[in-house]
C-alpha atoms as a PDB file:
ATOM      1  CA  MET A   1       7.761  23.342  -5.277  1.00  0.00           C
ATOM      2  CA  ALA A   2       7.403  20.113  -6.986  1.00  0.00           C
ATOM      3  CA  PRO A   3      10.750  18.456  -8.146  1.00  0.00           C
ATOM      4  CA  GLU A   4      10.915  17.381 -11.866  1.00  0.00           C
ATOM      5  CA  PRO A   5       9.758  13.885 -12.539  1.00  0.00           C
ATOM      6  CA  TYR A   6      12.272  11.058 -12.147  1.00  0.00           C
ATOM      7  CA  THR A   7      13.321   9.512 -15.644  1.00  0.00           C
ATOM      8  CA  ILE A   8      14.660   6.382 -16.718  1.00  0.00           C
ATOM      9  CA  PRO A   9      15.623   5.086 -20.079  1.00  0.00           C
ATOM     10  CA  ILE A  10      14.120   1.966 -21.516  1.00  0.00           C
ATOM     11  CA  THR A  11      15.009   0.479 -25.290  1.00  0.00           C
ATOM     12  CA  VAL A  12      11.720  -1.523 -26.621  1.00  0.00           C
ATOM     13  CA  ARG A  13      13.000  -5.117 -27.003  1.00  0.00           C
ATOM     14  CA  GLY A  14      11.529  -7.174 -29.968  1.00  0.00           C
ATOM     15  CA  TYR A  15      10.056 -10.053 -27.747  1.00  0.00           C
ATOM     16  CA  GLU A  16       7.814  -7.089 -26.095  1.00  0.00           C
ATOM     17  CA  THR A  17       5.640  -6.483 -29.230  1.00  0.00           C
ATOM     18  CA  ASP A  18       2.623  -7.741 -30.651  1.00  0.00           C
ATOM     19  CA  SER A  19       1.817  -9.547 -33.728  1.00  0.00           C
ATOM     20  CA  GLN A  20       1.577  -6.109 -35.272  1.00  0.00           C
ATOM     21  CA  GLY A  21       4.879  -5.201 -34.331  1.00  0.00           C
ATOM     22  CA  HIS A  22       3.891  -2.505 -31.829  1.00  0.00           C
ATOM     23  CA  LEU A  23       4.757  -2.734 -28.089  1.00  0.00           C
ATOM     24  CA  ASN A  24       2.252  -4.755 -26.403  1.00  0.00           C
ATOM     25  CA  GLN A  25      -0.287  -3.071 -24.385  1.00  0.00           C
ATOM     26  CA  ALA A  26       0.587  -4.714 -21.134  1.00  0.00           C
ATOM     27  CA  VAL A  27       4.318  -3.737 -21.523  1.00  0.00           C
ATOM     28  CA  TYR A  28       3.329   0.032 -20.997  1.00  0.00           C
ATOM     29  CA  LEU A  29       2.173  -0.954 -17.403  1.00  0.00           C
ATOM     30  CA  GLN A  30       5.493  -2.840 -17.048  1.00  0.00           C
ATOM     31  CA  TYR A  31       7.555   0.154 -18.034  1.00  0.00           C
ATOM     32  CA  ALA A  32       5.608   2.369 -15.744  1.00  0.00           C
ATOM     33  CA  GLU A  33       6.045  -0.045 -12.660  1.00  0.00           C
ATOM     34  CA  HIS A  34       9.734  -0.404 -13.410  1.00  0.00           C
ATOM     35  CA  ALA A  35      10.205   3.312 -13.313  1.00  0.00           C
ATOM     36  CA  ARG A  36       8.318   3.615  -9.902  1.00  0.00           C
ATOM     37  CA  TRP A  37      10.465   1.000  -8.306  1.00  0.00           C
ATOM     38  CA  THR A  38      13.592   2.597  -9.865  1.00  0.00           C
ATOM     39  CA  TYR A  39      12.564   6.103  -8.608  1.00  0.00           C
ATOM     40  CA  LEU A  40      11.836   4.892  -4.816  1.00  0.00           C
ATOM     41  CA  GLN A  41      15.334   3.249  -4.864  1.00  0.00           C
ATOM     42  CA  HIS A  42      16.565   6.445  -5.915  1.00  0.00           C
ATOM     43  CA  GLY A  43      15.307   8.332  -3.325  1.00  0.00           C
ATOM     44  CA  GLY A  44      16.663   5.566  -0.875  1.00  0.00           C
ATOM     45  CA  ILE A  45      13.789   3.481  -0.507  1.00  0.00           C
ATOM     46  CA  ARG A  46      13.818  -0.095  -1.104  1.00  0.00           C
ATOM     47  CA  GLN A  47      11.258  -2.734  -1.372  1.00  0.00           C
ATOM     48  CA  SER A  48      12.827  -4.484   1.709  1.00  0.00           C
ATOM     49  CA  ASP A  49      12.575  -1.164   3.511  1.00  0.00           C
ATOM     50  CA  LEU A  50       9.009  -1.057   3.139  1.00  0.00           C
ATOM     51  CA  LEU A  51       8.469  -4.909   3.915  1.00  0.00           C
ATOM     52  CA  ASP A  52      10.669  -4.286   7.083  1.00  0.00           C
ATOM     53  CA  LYS A  53       8.192  -1.503   8.094  1.00  0.00           C
ATOM     54  CA  GLY A  54       5.169  -3.792   7.407  1.00  0.00           C
ATOM     55  CA  ILE A  55       3.828  -1.676   4.776  1.00  0.00           C
ATOM     56  CA  GLY A  56       3.646  -2.326   1.049  1.00  0.00           C
ATOM     57  CA  PRO A  57       2.546   0.031  -2.175  1.00  0.00           C
ATOM     58  CA  VAL A  58      -0.627  -0.751  -3.722  1.00  0.00           C
ATOM     59  CA  ALA A  59      -2.139   0.590  -7.065  1.00  0.00           C
ATOM     60  CA  LEU A  60      -5.696   1.483  -6.371  1.00  0.00           C
ATOM     61  CA  GLU A  61      -6.646   2.793 -10.117  1.00  0.00           C
ATOM     62  CA  VAL A  62      -4.374   2.769 -13.193  1.00  0.00           C
ATOM     63  CA  THR A  63      -4.963   4.370 -16.318  1.00  0.00           C
ATOM     64  CA  VAL A  64      -3.154   4.109 -19.506  1.00  0.00           C
ATOM     65  CA  ARG A  65      -3.698   6.521 -22.256  1.00  0.00           C
ATOM     66  CA  TYR A  66      -2.022   5.406 -25.477  1.00  0.00           C
ATOM     67  CA  LEU A  67      -1.032   8.169 -27.880  1.00  0.00           C
ATOM     68  CA  ARG A  68       1.731   6.772 -30.201  1.00  0.00           C
ATOM     69  CA  GLU A  69       3.020   3.421 -31.284  1.00  0.00           C
ATOM     70  CA  LEU A  70       6.384   2.210 -30.398  1.00  0.00           C
ATOM     71  CA  ARG A  71       8.251  -0.255 -32.120  1.00  0.00           C
ATOM     72  CA  ALA A  72      11.155  -2.520 -31.239  1.00  0.00           C
ATOM     73  CA  GLY A  73      14.618  -0.703 -30.852  1.00  0.00           C
ATOM     74  CA  ASP A  74      12.665   2.541 -30.016  1.00  0.00           C
ATOM     75  CA  GLU A  75      14.562   4.393 -27.234  1.00  0.00           C
ATOM     76  CA  THR A  76      12.297   5.727 -24.786  1.00  0.00           C
ATOM     77  CA  GLU A  77      12.173   7.580 -21.494  1.00  0.00           C
ATOM     78  CA  VAL A  78       9.874   6.688 -18.735  1.00  0.00           C
ATOM     79  CA  ASP A  79       9.309   9.328 -16.092  1.00  0.00           C
ATOM     80  CA  CYS A  80       7.378   9.320 -12.775  1.00  0.00           C
ATOM     81  CA  ARG A  81       6.352  11.705  -9.930  1.00  0.00           C
ATOM     82  CA  PHE A  82       4.328  11.524  -6.977  1.00  0.00           C
ATOM     83  CA  VAL A  83       1.273  14.212  -6.241  1.00  0.00           C
ATOM     84  CA  TRP A  84       0.751  14.111  -2.520  1.00  0.00           C
ATOM     85  CA  GLY A  85      -2.724  14.629  -1.112  1.00  0.00           C
ATOM     86  CA  GLU A  86      -3.803  15.027   2.448  1.00  0.00           C
ATOM     87  CA  GLY A  87      -5.216  11.602   2.840  1.00  0.00           C
ATOM     88  CA  LYS A  88      -4.625   7.956   2.497  1.00  0.00           C
ATOM     89  CA  THR A  89      -3.850   7.838  -1.225  1.00  0.00           C
ATOM     90  CA  PHE A  90      -1.462   9.824  -3.454  1.00  0.00           C
ATOM     91  CA  ARG A  91      -1.434  10.408  -7.363  1.00  0.00           C
ATOM     92  CA  ILE A  92       1.397   9.095  -9.776  1.00  0.00           C
ATOM     93  CA  GLU A  93       1.764  10.622 -12.999  1.00  0.00           C
ATOM     94  CA  GLN A  94       4.013   9.114 -15.814  1.00  0.00           C
ATOM     95  CA  GLN A  95       4.754   9.664 -19.499  1.00  0.00           C
ATOM     96  CA  ILE A  96       6.292   7.148 -21.619  1.00  0.00           C
ATOM     97  CA  ARG A  97       8.392   9.399 -24.531  1.00  0.00           C
ATOM     98  CA  ARG A  98      10.364   8.506 -27.337  1.00  0.00           C
ATOM     99  CA  THR A  99      13.829  10.030 -27.028  1.00  0.00           C
ATOM    100  CA  ASP A 100      12.739  12.939 -29.593  1.00  0.00           C
ATOM    101  CA  GLY A 101      10.143  13.998 -27.029  1.00  0.00           C
ATOM    102  CA  THR A 102       7.077  12.143 -28.948  1.00  0.00           C
ATOM    103  CA  VAL A 103       4.779  11.282 -25.920  1.00  0.00           C
ATOM    104  CA  ALA A 104       3.537   7.562 -26.723  1.00  0.00           C
ATOM    105  CA  ALA A 105       1.572   7.229 -23.492  1.00  0.00           C
ATOM    106  CA  GLU A 106       0.518   8.657 -20.325  1.00  0.00           C
ATOM    107  CA  VAL A 107       0.074   6.495 -17.222  1.00  0.00           C
ATOM    108  CA  THR A 108      -1.896   7.805 -14.183  1.00  0.00           C
ATOM    109  CA  GLY A 109      -2.745   6.038 -11.072  1.00  0.00           C
ATOM    110  CA  VAL A 110      -3.948   6.101  -7.534  1.00  0.00           C
ATOM    111  CA  GLY A 111      -1.891   4.345  -4.884  1.00  0.00           C
ATOM    112  CA  GLY A 112      -1.473   3.986  -1.382  1.00  0.00           C
ATOM    113  CA  LEU A 113       0.374   2.041   1.243  1.00  0.00           C
ATOM    114  CA  LEU A 114      -0.957  -1.172   2.787  1.00  0.00           C
ATOM    115  CA  ASP A 115      -0.441  -2.132   6.335  1.00  0.00           C
ATOM    116  CA  LEU A 116       0.315  -5.722   5.591  1.00  0.00           C
ATOM    117  CA  GLN A 117      -1.125  -7.086   8.895  1.00  0.00           C
ATOM    118  CA  ALA A 118      -4.280  -4.974   9.097  1.00  0.00           C
ATOM    119  CA  ARG A 119      -4.676  -5.251   5.483  1.00  0.00           C
ATOM    120  CA  LYS A 120      -5.799  -1.299   5.320  1.00  0.00           C
ATOM    121  CA  LEU A 121      -4.367   1.868   3.958  1.00  0.00           C
ATOM    122  CA  VAL A 122      -2.051   3.762   6.335  1.00  0.00           C
ATOM    123  CA  ALA A 123      -3.522   6.987   7.386  1.00  0.00           C
ATOM    124  CA  ASP A 124      -0.636   8.761   5.847  1.00  0.00           C
ATOM    125  CA  PRO A 125       1.497   7.451   3.325  1.00  0.00           C
ATOM    126  CA  ARG A 126       3.759  10.785   3.081  1.00  0.00           C
ATOM    127  CA  GLU A 127       5.119  10.200   6.781  1.00  0.00           C
ATOM    128  CA  TYR A 128       6.302   6.578   5.689  1.00  0.00           C
ATOM    129  CA  PHE A 129       8.070   8.214   2.780  1.00  0.00           C
ATOM    130  CA  ARG A 130       9.709  10.871   4.682  1.00  0.00           C
ATOM    131  CA  ALA A 131      10.804   8.249   7.028  1.00  0.00           C
ATOM    132  CA  LEU A 132      12.400   5.911   4.683  1.00  0.00           C
ATOM    133  CA  ALA A 133      13.767   8.190   2.085  1.00  0.00           C
ATOM    134  CA  ASP A 134      17.272   9.226   2.053  1.00  0.00           C
ATOM    135  CA  ASP A 135      16.156  12.627   0.776  1.00  0.00           C
ATOM    136  CA  PRO A 136      12.499  13.217   1.109  1.00  0.00           C
ATOM    137  CA  ALA A 137      12.767  16.036  -1.256  1.00  0.00           C
ATOM    138  CA  VAL A 138      13.544  13.561  -4.211  1.00  0.00           C
ATOM    139  CA  PHE A 139       9.468  12.694  -3.620  1.00  0.00           C
ATOM    140  CA  GLY A 140       8.382  16.355  -3.322  1.00  0.00           C
ATOM    141  CA  LEU A 141       8.217  16.087   0.566  1.00  0.00           C
END
């Protein structure tokens, strides 16, 4: 059974908005990235742990579906969950929601773990997540 998505709160800051007062499109990606790194830390995986093993996470594909505008001061929740397959890649599914439950954006992606020496994806990223995590169940492993 997959765990509930990991969620963090983020307040939209004025300097993140565009000339129309909307959250700038690129900032949605930054929120999603922040949630992913926070999720890894929550499960006991630090960036330095990955580097010590000679691996690094890579984004191979990212799609943002913008559904509702966000403005300065809006309180949001950004969630994240990994969906594991059998190969070298995994899916990442995220939502950015106002705290009233309104979904502002959906961010989906395909990621992998890059062997930093060989410059190739590792064969089974789940193996590394299991080994590095304090509690692999946090990641659905």
